Amino acid sequence: MLDCKYTYAIELLGASGNFCSDKKAAAVNWIEGRGKSVVCEAVIKEEVVKKVLKTSVESLVELNMLKNLTGSAMAGALGRFNAHASNIDSAIYLATGQDPAQNVESSHCMTMMEAVNDGKDLHISVTMPCIEVGTVGGGTQLASQSACLNLLGVKGASKETPAGQLVKSHMKYNRSSKDVSKVAS
């Protein structure tokens, strides 16, 4: 039996009310965004759809409607109207030294498809309203991950639009400090 002779006074401090919904699938992230908001679109020629994807424009548009939009809505998906964007998001996060847990909100994605050019070609768009990307510190300093960030042209702090809120809060509250009294002050 363990006999405890010491009493510790620990003050619990919550730095976040969790409305930021960090690492959670939340409507606020889907509606207002968090981090960077990205929209990508492309027109894929009918020949490519047939030869490479081995299907038709009409079939892809129907599949997107039934699976990505209707199926996801019926399942109650929150910001997940796509075909596994989280797989790609996780792969990029691991390759670039990100916190993989950020995948939860960063993989919010809506994929839209429609036939264009008299139904011959496929217009596809992907909307991701809350991609969170770190470019300094943590895993971004590892050689391979740093090289991937350099390849993407996003390594390091932005000189044009520096944010720094996260860094400022870490410096203010000094996460690495063993003196907890600094956090409470």
N, C-alpha and C. Protein backbone atom coordinates (compact mmCIF):
# COMPACT_ATOMS: atom_id res chain seq x y z
N MET A 1 0.84 -1.18 0.00
CA MET A 1 0.00 0.00 0.00
C MET A 1 0.88 1.24 0.00
N LEU A 2 0.51 2.21 -0.82
CA LEU A 2 1.27 3.44 -0.96
C LEU A 2 0.76 4.47 0.03
N ASP A 3 1.67 5.04 0.81
CA ASP A 3 1.29 6.07 1.78
C ASP A 3 1.80 7.41 1.25
N CYS A 4 0.89 8.31 0.92
CA CYS A 4 1.26 9.61 0.36
C CYS A 4 1.36 10.63 1.47
N LYS A 5 2.55 11.24 1.64
CA LYS A 5 2.77 12.20 2.70
C LYS A 5 2.75 13.64 2.19
N TYR A 6 2.63 13.82 0.87
CA TYR A 6 2.72 15.15 0.30
C TYR A 6 1.38 15.58 -0.28
N THR A 7 1.08 16.84 -0.15
CA THR A 7 -0.12 17.41 -0.75
C THR A 7 0.31 18.48 -1.74
N TYR A 8 -0.23 18.43 -2.93
CA TYR A 8 0.12 19.40 -3.97
C TYR A 8 -1.10 20.24 -4.30
N ALA A 9 -0.87 21.51 -4.44
CA ALA A 9 -1.94 22.41 -4.87
C ALA A 9 -1.72 22.70 -6.35
N ILE A 10 -2.63 22.23 -7.15
CA ILE A 10 -2.51 22.44 -8.60
C ILE A 10 -3.71 23.25 -9.06
N GLU A 11 -3.40 24.32 -9.76
CA GLU A 11 -4.46 25.15 -10.32
C GLU A 11 -4.65 24.76 -11.78
N LEU A 12 -5.87 24.48 -12.14
CA LEU A 12 -6.18 24.11 -13.51
C LEU A 12 -6.48 25.37 -14.31
N LEU A 13 -5.80 25.50 -15.44
CA LEU A 13 -5.97 26.67 -16.28
C LEU A 13 -6.38 26.21 -17.67
N GLY A 14 -7.49 26.70 -18.16
CA GLY A 14 -7.92 26.40 -19.52
C GLY A 14 -7.62 27.59 -20.40
N ALA A 15 -6.74 27.40 -21.38
CA ALA A 15 -6.36 28.51 -22.26
C ALA A 15 -7.32 28.67 -23.42
N SER A 16 -8.18 27.69 -23.63
CA SER A 16 -9.11 27.73 -24.76
C SER A 16 -10.47 27.27 -24.30
N GLY A 17 -11.50 27.95 -24.78
CA GLY A 17 -12.87 27.53 -24.50
C GLY A 17 -13.32 26.46 -25.47
N ASN A 18 -12.43 26.04 -26.37
CA ASN A 18 -12.64 25.01 -27.37
C ASN A 18 -13.53 25.45 -28.53
N PHE A 19 -13.90 26.72 -28.58
CA PHE A 19 -14.66 27.20 -29.73
C PHE A 19 -13.78 27.21 -30.97
N CYS A 20 -12.47 27.25 -30.77
CA CYS A 20 -11.55 27.17 -31.90
C CYS A 20 -11.69 25.82 -32.60
N SER A 21 -12.23 24.85 -31.91
CA SER A 21 -12.48 23.49 -32.41
C SER A 21 -11.24 22.87 -33.04
N ASP A 22 -10.11 23.12 -32.41
CA ASP A 22 -8.84 22.55 -32.85
C ASP A 22 -8.92 21.03 -32.83
N LYS A 23 -8.63 20.41 -33.96
CA LYS A 23 -8.59 18.96 -34.12
C LYS A 23 -9.96 18.31 -33.90
N LYS A 24 -11.01 19.03 -34.30
CA LYS A 24 -12.38 18.50 -34.20
C LYS A 24 -13.14 18.84 -35.46
N ALA A 25 -13.99 17.92 -35.89
CA ALA A 25 -14.87 18.21 -37.03
C ALA A 25 -16.02 19.06 -36.49
N ALA A 26 -16.02 20.34 -36.83
CA ALA A 26 -17.02 21.26 -36.29
C ALA A 26 -17.58 22.15 -37.39
N ALA A 27 -18.85 22.47 -37.26
CA ALA A 27 -19.52 23.32 -38.25
C ALA A 27 -18.85 24.68 -38.37
N VAL A 28 -18.33 25.21 -37.27
CA VAL A 28 -17.72 26.54 -37.31
C VAL A 28 -16.51 26.55 -38.26
N ASN A 29 -15.77 25.47 -38.31
CA ASN A 29 -14.63 25.39 -39.24
C ASN A 29 -15.12 25.32 -40.68
N TRP A 30 -16.19 24.57 -40.91
CA TRP A 30 -16.75 24.42 -42.26
C TRP A 30 -17.32 25.76 -42.74
N ILE A 31 -17.97 26.49 -41.85
CA ILE A 31 -18.64 27.74 -42.23
C ILE A 31 -17.67 28.91 -42.31
N GLU A 32 -16.87 29.11 -41.27
CA GLU A 32 -15.99 30.27 -41.20
C GLU A 32 -14.58 30.02 -41.70
N GLY A 33 -14.20 28.76 -41.82
CA GLY A 33 -12.84 28.44 -42.21
C GLY A 33 -11.90 28.51 -41.01
N ARG A 34 -10.72 27.96 -41.19
CA ARG A 34 -9.68 27.97 -40.15
C ARG A 34 -8.38 27.73 -40.88
N GLY A 35 -7.39 28.53 -40.67
CA GLY A 35 -6.16 28.39 -41.43
C GLY A 35 -6.34 28.99 -42.81
N LYS A 36 -6.05 28.22 -43.81
CA LYS A 36 -6.17 28.68 -45.20
C LYS A 36 -7.38 28.04 -45.86
N SER A 37 -8.04 28.81 -46.71
CA SER A 37 -9.17 28.32 -47.49
C SER A 37 -8.70 28.15 -48.93
N VAL A 38 -8.98 26.98 -49.51
CA VAL A 38 -8.48 26.68 -50.85
C VAL A 38 -9.61 26.17 -51.74
N VAL A 39 -9.64 26.67 -52.98
CA VAL A 39 -10.53 26.15 -54.00
C VAL A 39 -9.68 25.82 -55.21
N CYS A 40 -9.79 24.58 -55.68
CA CYS A 40 -9.06 24.14 -56.88
C CYS A 40 -10.08 23.67 -57.90
N GLU A 41 -9.80 23.94 -59.15
CA GLU A 41 -10.70 23.46 -60.19
C GLU A 41 -9.93 23.14 -61.45
N ALA A 42 -10.53 22.25 -62.24
CA ALA A 42 -9.89 21.84 -63.50
C ALA A 42 -10.97 21.36 -64.46
N VAL A 43 -10.65 21.44 -65.73
CA VAL A 43 -11.49 20.83 -66.75
C VAL A 43 -10.69 19.67 -67.32
N ILE A 44 -11.29 18.48 -67.24
CA ILE A 44 -10.65 17.27 -67.75
C ILE A 44 -11.33 16.90 -69.05
N LYS A 45 -10.55 16.84 -70.09
CA LYS A 45 -11.08 16.54 -71.43
C LYS A 45 -11.69 15.15 -71.48
N GLU A 46 -12.72 15.01 -72.30
CA GLU A 46 -13.45 13.74 -72.45
C GLU A 46 -12.50 12.59 -72.79
N GLU A 47 -11.51 12.85 -73.65
CA GLU A 47 -10.56 11.80 -74.04
C GLU A 47 -9.80 11.25 -72.84
N VAL A 48 -9.42 12.14 -71.93
CA VAL A 48 -8.69 11.73 -70.73
C VAL A 48 -9.59 10.91 -69.81
N VAL A 49 -10.83 11.36 -69.66
CA VAL A 49 -11.79 10.62 -68.83
C VAL A 49 -11.95 9.21 -69.36
N LYS A 50 -12.08 9.08 -70.66
CA LYS A 50 -12.28 7.75 -71.27
C LYS A 50 -11.01 6.90 -71.22
N LYS A 51 -9.88 7.44 -71.66
CA LYS A 51 -8.65 6.65 -71.78
C LYS A 51 -7.97 6.38 -70.43
N VAL A 52 -7.89 7.39 -69.59
CA VAL A 52 -7.16 7.25 -68.33
C VAL A 52 -8.06 6.74 -67.21
N LEU A 53 -9.24 7.33 -67.07
CA LEU A 53 -10.13 6.96 -65.98
C LEU A 53 -11.06 5.81 -66.34
N LYS A 54 -11.08 5.45 -67.61
CA LYS A 54 -11.86 4.30 -68.09
C LYS A 54 -13.35 4.42 -67.76
N THR A 55 -13.90 5.63 -67.91
CA THR A 55 -15.31 5.86 -67.65
C THR A 55 -15.80 7.01 -68.52
N SER A 56 -16.98 7.51 -68.22
CA SER A 56 -17.52 8.63 -68.99
C SER A 56 -17.75 9.83 -68.07
N VAL A 57 -17.83 11.00 -68.68
CA VAL A 57 -18.11 12.23 -67.93
C VAL A 57 -19.44 12.08 -67.21
N GLU A 58 -20.44 11.61 -67.91
CA GLU A 58 -21.78 11.43 -67.34
C GLU A 58 -21.76 10.52 -66.11
N SER A 59 -21.02 9.42 -66.19
CA SER A 59 -20.93 8.49 -65.05
C SER A 59 -20.25 9.12 -63.84
N LEU A 60 -19.19 9.90 -64.07
CA LEU A 60 -18.50 10.55 -62.95
C LEU A 60 -19.37 11.60 -62.28
N VAL A 61 -20.10 12.36 -63.08
CA VAL A 61 -21.00 13.38 -62.52
C VAL A 61 -22.08 12.70 -61.66
N GLU A 62 -22.65 11.61 -62.17
CA GLU A 62 -23.67 10.88 -61.43
C GLU A 62 -23.10 10.26 -60.15
N LEU A 63 -21.92 9.66 -60.25
CA LEU A 63 -21.28 9.06 -59.08
C LEU A 63 -21.02 10.11 -58.00
N ASN A 64 -20.51 11.26 -58.40
CA ASN A 64 -20.24 12.33 -57.44
C ASN A 64 -21.53 12.75 -56.74
N MET A 65 -22.60 12.89 -57.50
CA MET A 65 -23.88 13.30 -56.91
C MET A 65 -24.38 12.24 -55.92
N LEU A 66 -24.36 10.98 -56.33
CA LEU A 66 -24.90 9.92 -55.48
C LEU A 66 -24.02 9.60 -54.28
N LYS A 67 -22.72 9.51 -54.49
CA LYS A 67 -21.80 9.11 -53.41
C LYS A 67 -21.35 10.29 -52.56
N ASN A 68 -20.64 11.22 -53.20
CA ASN A 68 -20.01 12.30 -52.43
C ASN A 68 -21.01 13.28 -51.84
N LEU A 69 -22.08 13.59 -52.57
CA LEU A 69 -23.03 14.57 -52.07
C LEU A 69 -24.20 13.92 -51.33
N THR A 70 -24.98 13.10 -52.02
CA THR A 70 -26.16 12.49 -51.40
C THR A 70 -25.77 11.51 -50.29
N GLY A 71 -24.85 10.61 -50.58
CA GLY A 71 -24.43 9.62 -49.58
C GLY A 71 -23.86 10.27 -48.33
N SER A 72 -23.01 11.26 -48.52
CA SER A 72 -22.41 11.95 -47.37
C SER A 72 -23.47 12.69 -46.56
N ALA A 73 -24.43 13.33 -47.25
CA ALA A 73 -25.51 14.04 -46.55
C ALA A 73 -26.37 13.07 -45.75
N MET A 74 -26.69 11.93 -46.35
CA MET A 74 -27.51 10.93 -45.65
C MET A 74 -26.78 10.38 -44.42
N ALA A 75 -25.47 10.31 -44.49
CA ALA A 75 -24.67 9.83 -43.36
C ALA A 75 -24.48 10.90 -42.29
N GLY A 76 -24.89 12.13 -42.58
CA GLY A 76 -24.70 13.21 -41.63
C GLY A 76 -23.28 13.73 -41.59
N ALA A 77 -22.58 13.60 -42.70
CA ALA A 77 -21.19 14.04 -42.76
C ALA A 77 -21.10 15.54 -42.50
N LEU A 78 -20.11 15.93 -41.74
CA LEU A 78 -19.89 17.33 -41.43
C LEU A 78 -18.66 17.80 -42.21
N GLY A 79 -18.89 18.50 -43.32
CA GLY A 79 -17.77 18.98 -44.13
C GLY A 79 -17.03 17.88 -44.85
N ARG A 80 -17.66 16.77 -45.10
CA ARG A 80 -16.99 15.64 -45.73
C ARG A 80 -17.79 15.18 -46.96
N PHE A 81 -17.92 16.03 -47.96
CA PHE A 81 -18.65 15.69 -49.16
C PHE A 81 -17.64 15.43 -50.28
N ASN A 82 -16.88 14.35 -50.12
CA ASN A 82 -15.78 14.05 -51.03
C ASN A 82 -15.46 12.57 -50.97
N ALA A 83 -14.53 12.15 -51.79
CA ALA A 83 -14.11 10.75 -51.80
C ALA A 83 -12.75 10.63 -51.14
N HIS A 84 -12.72 10.69 -49.83
CA HIS A 84 -11.52 10.42 -49.04
C HIS A 84 -10.42 11.47 -49.15
N ALA A 85 -10.77 12.73 -49.08
CA ALA A 85 -9.77 13.80 -49.07
C ALA A 85 -8.82 13.65 -47.89
N SER A 86 -9.30 13.03 -46.82
CA SER A 86 -8.45 12.89 -45.63
C SER A 86 -7.23 12.03 -45.89
N ASN A 87 -7.30 11.07 -46.82
CA ASN A 87 -6.13 10.26 -47.15
C ASN A 87 -5.02 11.13 -47.75
N ILE A 88 -5.40 11.98 -48.68
CA ILE A 88 -4.42 12.86 -49.32
C ILE A 88 -3.90 13.88 -48.33
N ASP A 89 -4.81 14.44 -47.54
CA ASP A 89 -4.44 15.43 -46.52
C ASP A 89 -3.43 14.83 -45.55
N SER A 90 -3.69 13.62 -45.06
CA SER A 90 -2.76 12.97 -44.12
C SER A 90 -1.40 12.71 -44.75
N ALA A 91 -1.39 12.25 -45.99
CA ALA A 91 -0.13 11.97 -46.68
C ALA A 91 0.71 13.25 -46.81
N ILE A 92 0.08 14.34 -47.18
CA ILE A 92 0.80 15.61 -47.31
C ILE A 92 1.26 16.09 -45.94
N TYR A 93 0.43 15.93 -44.92
CA TYR A 93 0.82 16.35 -43.57
C TYR A 93 2.05 15.59 -43.09
N LEU A 94 2.06 14.28 -43.29
CA LEU A 94 3.20 13.49 -42.86
C LEU A 94 4.46 13.85 -43.64
N ALA A 95 4.29 14.11 -44.94
CA ALA A 95 5.44 14.46 -45.79
C ALA A 95 6.02 15.83 -45.47
N THR A 96 5.19 16.71 -44.90
CA THR A 96 5.66 18.08 -44.66
C THR A 96 5.82 18.42 -43.18
N GLY A 97 5.75 17.41 -42.31
CA GLY A 97 6.04 17.63 -40.89
C GLY A 97 4.93 18.30 -40.11
N GLN A 98 3.69 18.14 -40.56
CA GLN A 98 2.56 18.74 -39.86
C GLN A 98 2.10 17.85 -38.72
N ASP A 99 1.24 18.37 -37.88
CA ASP A 99 0.59 17.58 -36.84
C ASP A 99 -0.51 16.78 -37.52
N PRO A 100 -0.38 15.46 -37.63
CA PRO A 100 -1.38 14.68 -38.36
C PRO A 100 -2.79 14.78 -37.77
N ALA A 101 -2.89 15.14 -36.49
CA ALA A 101 -4.22 15.28 -35.88
C ALA A 101 -5.00 16.45 -36.47
N GLN A 102 -4.31 17.39 -37.10
CA GLN A 102 -4.99 18.52 -37.76
C GLN A 102 -5.81 18.05 -38.96
N ASN A 103 -5.61 16.81 -39.37
CA ASN A 103 -6.38 16.23 -40.47
C ASN A 103 -7.88 16.31 -40.21
N VAL A 104 -8.28 16.25 -38.96
CA VAL A 104 -9.70 16.21 -38.64
C VAL A 104 -10.44 17.38 -39.26
N GLU A 105 -9.95 18.60 -39.05
CA GLU A 105 -10.64 19.75 -39.65
C GLU A 105 -10.09 20.11 -41.03
N SER A 106 -8.82 19.84 -41.26
CA SER A 106 -8.23 20.24 -42.53
C SER A 106 -8.75 19.43 -43.71
N SER A 107 -9.29 18.27 -43.46
CA SER A 107 -9.81 17.48 -44.58
C SER A 107 -11.30 17.72 -44.85
N HIS A 108 -11.85 18.77 -44.25
CA HIS A 108 -13.19 19.21 -44.66
C HIS A 108 -13.08 19.52 -46.15
N CYS A 109 -13.95 18.95 -46.96
CA CYS A 109 -13.80 19.11 -48.41
C CYS A 109 -15.12 18.84 -49.12
N MET A 110 -15.41 19.65 -50.11
CA MET A 110 -16.56 19.40 -50.97
C MET A 110 -16.07 19.28 -52.40
N THR A 111 -16.42 18.16 -53.03
CA THR A 111 -16.06 17.92 -54.43
C THR A 111 -17.30 18.09 -55.28
N MET A 112 -17.20 18.93 -56.29
CA MET A 112 -18.30 19.16 -57.23
C MET A 112 -17.84 18.77 -58.63
N MET A 113 -18.75 18.16 -59.40
CA MET A 113 -18.46 17.80 -60.79
C MET A 113 -19.64 18.16 -61.65
N GLU A 114 -19.34 18.63 -62.87
CA GLU A 114 -20.39 18.89 -63.84
C GLU A 114 -19.83 18.74 -65.25
N ALA A 115 -20.73 18.35 -66.16
CA ALA A 115 -20.35 18.24 -67.56
C ALA A 115 -20.34 19.63 -68.17
N VAL A 116 -19.31 19.94 -68.96
CA VAL A 116 -19.20 21.23 -69.64
C VAL A 116 -18.87 20.99 -71.12
N ASN A 117 -18.88 22.07 -71.89
CA ASN A 117 -18.57 21.98 -73.32
C ASN A 117 -19.49 20.98 -74.02
N ASP A 118 -20.81 21.27 -73.89
CA ASP A 118 -21.85 20.41 -74.47
C ASP A 118 -21.80 18.99 -73.94
N GLY A 119 -21.43 18.83 -72.65
CA GLY A 119 -21.43 17.53 -72.01
C GLY A 119 -20.23 16.66 -72.31
N LYS A 120 -19.27 17.20 -73.03
CA LYS A 120 -18.11 16.39 -73.43
C LYS A 120 -17.03 16.31 -72.34
N ASP A 121 -16.77 17.42 -71.68
CA ASP A 121 -15.65 17.49 -70.73
C ASP A 121 -16.17 17.56 -69.30
N LEU A 122 -15.29 17.27 -68.35
CA LEU A 122 -15.64 17.26 -66.93
C LEU A 122 -15.02 18.45 -66.23
N HIS A 123 -15.87 19.26 -65.59
CA HIS A 123 -15.37 20.33 -64.72
C HIS A 123 -15.45 19.79 -63.30
N ILE A 124 -14.33 19.83 -62.61
CA ILE A 124 -14.28 19.35 -61.23
C ILE A 124 -13.72 20.46 -60.35
N SER A 125 -14.33 20.65 -59.19
CA SER A 125 -13.81 21.63 -58.24
C SER A 125 -13.79 21.01 -56.85
N VAL A 126 -12.80 21.41 -56.08
CA VAL A 126 -12.63 20.94 -54.72
C VAL A 126 -12.48 22.16 -53.83
N THR A 127 -13.32 22.25 -52.81
CA THR A 127 -13.28 23.36 -51.87
C THR A 127 -12.88 22.82 -50.50
N MET A 128 -11.81 23.39 -49.95
CA MET A 128 -11.33 23.00 -48.62
C MET A 128 -11.19 24.28 -47.79
N PRO A 129 -12.16 24.56 -46.90
CA PRO A 129 -12.19 25.84 -46.20
C PRO A 129 -11.30 25.99 -44.97
N CYS A 130 -10.64 24.93 -44.54
CA CYS A 130 -9.87 25.08 -43.30
C CYS A 130 -8.63 24.19 -43.29
N ILE A 131 -7.69 24.52 -44.16
CA ILE A 131 -6.43 23.78 -44.17
C ILE A 131 -5.45 24.48 -43.24
N GLU A 132 -4.97 23.74 -42.26
CA GLU A 132 -4.01 24.30 -41.32
C GLU A 132 -2.63 23.77 -41.66
N VAL A 133 -1.70 24.68 -41.85
CA VAL A 133 -0.35 24.30 -42.25
C VAL A 133 0.66 25.08 -41.41
N GLY A 134 1.59 24.34 -40.82
CA GLY A 134 2.70 24.96 -40.11
C GLY A 134 3.93 24.93 -41.00
N THR A 135 4.69 26.01 -41.00
CA THR A 135 5.88 26.06 -41.85
C THR A 135 7.15 26.30 -41.05
N VAL A 136 7.03 26.43 -39.74
CA VAL A 136 8.20 26.57 -38.87
C VAL A 136 8.00 25.68 -37.64
N GLY A 137 9.09 25.20 -37.08
CA GLY A 137 9.04 24.43 -35.85
C GLY A 137 8.57 23.00 -36.04
N GLY A 138 8.61 22.24 -34.95
CA GLY A 138 8.13 20.87 -34.95
C GLY A 138 8.74 20.01 -36.03
N GLY A 139 7.91 19.18 -36.65
CA GLY A 139 8.36 18.26 -37.68
C GLY A 139 8.80 18.93 -38.96
N THR A 140 8.51 20.22 -39.12
CA THR A 140 8.93 20.92 -40.35
C THR A 140 10.45 21.07 -40.41
N GLN A 141 11.13 20.84 -39.30
CA GLN A 141 12.58 20.97 -39.25
C GLN A 141 13.31 19.69 -39.67
N LEU A 142 12.58 18.59 -39.78
CA LEU A 142 13.20 17.34 -40.22
C LEU A 142 13.61 17.47 -41.68
N ALA A 143 14.72 16.85 -42.05
CA ALA A 143 15.30 17.04 -43.38
C ALA A 143 14.33 16.78 -44.53
N SER A 144 13.71 15.63 -44.55
CA SER A 144 12.80 15.28 -45.65
C SER A 144 11.58 16.19 -45.67
N GLN A 145 11.02 16.47 -44.49
CA GLN A 145 9.83 17.31 -44.40
C GLN A 145 10.15 18.75 -44.79
N SER A 146 11.31 19.23 -44.37
CA SER A 146 11.76 20.57 -44.75
C SER A 146 11.94 20.67 -46.26
N ALA A 147 12.50 19.62 -46.86
CA ALA A 147 12.69 19.59 -48.32
C ALA A 147 11.34 19.64 -49.05
N CYS A 148 10.34 18.92 -48.52
CA CYS A 148 9.00 18.95 -49.14
C CYS A 148 8.38 20.35 -49.05
N LEU A 149 8.54 21.01 -47.90
CA LEU A 149 8.02 22.38 -47.76
C LEU A 149 8.73 23.32 -48.73
N ASN A 150 10.05 23.15 -48.88
CA ASN A 150 10.79 23.96 -49.85
C ASN A 150 10.29 23.71 -51.27
N LEU A 151 10.06 22.46 -51.60
CA LEU A 151 9.55 22.09 -52.92
C LEU A 151 8.22 22.77 -53.20
N LEU A 152 7.37 22.87 -52.17
CA LEU A 152 6.07 23.53 -52.31
C LEU A 152 6.17 25.05 -52.25
N GLY A 153 7.34 25.56 -51.86
CA GLY A 153 7.54 27.00 -51.78
C GLY A 153 6.91 27.65 -50.56
N VAL A 154 6.75 26.88 -49.47
CA VAL A 154 6.10 27.45 -48.28
C VAL A 154 6.93 27.29 -47.01
N LYS A 155 8.19 26.96 -47.12
CA LYS A 155 9.04 26.77 -45.94
C LYS A 155 9.31 28.10 -45.26
N GLY A 156 9.16 28.12 -43.94
CA GLY A 156 9.49 29.31 -43.16
C GLY A 156 8.32 30.27 -43.00
N ALA A 157 8.56 31.30 -42.19
CA ALA A 157 7.53 32.30 -41.92
C ALA A 157 7.30 33.17 -43.15
N SER A 158 6.07 33.62 -43.31
CA SER A 158 5.73 34.49 -44.43
C SER A 158 6.21 35.91 -44.15
N LYS A 159 6.97 36.47 -45.08
CA LYS A 159 7.45 37.85 -44.91
C LYS A 159 6.35 38.85 -45.26
N GLU A 160 5.43 38.46 -46.17
CA GLU A 160 4.36 39.36 -46.60
C GLU A 160 3.23 39.44 -45.57
N THR A 161 2.80 38.30 -45.05
CA THR A 161 1.69 38.27 -44.09
C THR A 161 2.04 37.40 -42.90
N PRO A 162 2.94 37.87 -42.05
CA PRO A 162 3.29 37.06 -40.89
C PRO A 162 2.12 36.96 -39.92
N ALA A 163 1.88 35.77 -39.42
CA ALA A 163 0.78 35.58 -38.45
C ALA A 163 1.37 35.64 -37.06
N GLY A 164 1.99 34.55 -36.65
CA GLY A 164 2.73 34.57 -35.39
C GLY A 164 1.92 34.45 -34.12
N GLN A 165 0.58 34.33 -34.19
CA GLN A 165 -0.19 34.26 -32.96
C GLN A 165 0.19 33.03 -32.14
N LEU A 166 0.33 31.89 -32.79
CA LEU A 166 0.67 30.67 -32.08
C LEU A 166 2.05 30.79 -31.45
N VAL A 167 3.02 31.29 -32.21
CA VAL A 167 4.37 31.46 -31.69
C VAL A 167 4.36 32.43 -30.52
N LYS A 168 3.64 33.55 -30.66
CA LYS A 168 3.57 34.54 -29.57
C LYS A 168 3.00 33.92 -28.29
N SER A 169 1.94 33.11 -28.44
CA SER A 169 1.34 32.50 -27.24
C SER A 169 2.28 31.48 -26.61
N HIS A 170 3.00 30.72 -27.45
CA HIS A 170 3.97 29.76 -26.90
C HIS A 170 5.08 30.51 -26.17
N MET A 171 5.53 31.63 -26.71
CA MET A 171 6.59 32.40 -26.05
C MET A 171 6.07 33.01 -24.74
N LYS A 172 4.83 33.53 -24.78
CA LYS A 172 4.27 34.16 -23.59
C LYS A 172 4.10 33.15 -22.46
N TYR A 173 3.56 31.97 -22.81
CA TYR A 173 3.28 30.97 -21.79
C TYR A 173 4.36 29.91 -21.68
N ASN A 174 5.38 30.00 -22.52
CA ASN A 174 6.58 29.18 -22.46
C ASN A 174 6.29 27.72 -22.14
N ARG A 175 5.74 27.01 -23.14
CA ARG A 175 5.36 25.60 -22.97
C ARG A 175 6.49 24.74 -22.43
N SER A 176 7.74 25.08 -22.73
CA SER A 176 8.84 24.22 -22.31
C SER A 176 9.31 24.51 -20.89
N SER A 177 8.77 25.53 -20.28
CA SER A 177 9.20 25.91 -18.93
C SER A 177 8.69 24.92 -17.90
N LYS A 178 9.53 24.61 -16.95
CA LYS A 178 9.13 23.71 -15.87
C LYS A 178 8.44 24.50 -14.75
N ASP A 179 8.51 25.83 -14.80
CA ASP A 179 7.92 26.69 -13.78
C ASP A 179 6.47 26.99 -14.19
N VAL A 180 5.53 26.24 -13.61
CA VAL A 180 4.12 26.36 -13.96
C VAL A 180 3.56 27.73 -13.54
N SER A 181 4.18 28.40 -12.58
CA SER A 181 3.66 29.70 -12.14
C SER A 181 3.67 30.72 -13.27
N LYS A 182 4.57 30.56 -14.26
CA LYS A 182 4.60 31.50 -15.38
C LYS A 182 3.32 31.40 -16.20
N VAL A 183 2.77 30.21 -16.31
CA VAL A 183 1.55 29.99 -17.09
C VAL A 183 0.36 30.66 -16.42
N ALA A 184 0.30 30.58 -15.10
CA ALA A 184 -0.85 31.13 -14.37
C ALA A 184 -0.82 32.65 -14.31
N SER A 185 0.34 33.28 -14.52
CA SER A 185 0.41 34.74 -14.39
C SER A 185 -0.01 35.45 -15.64
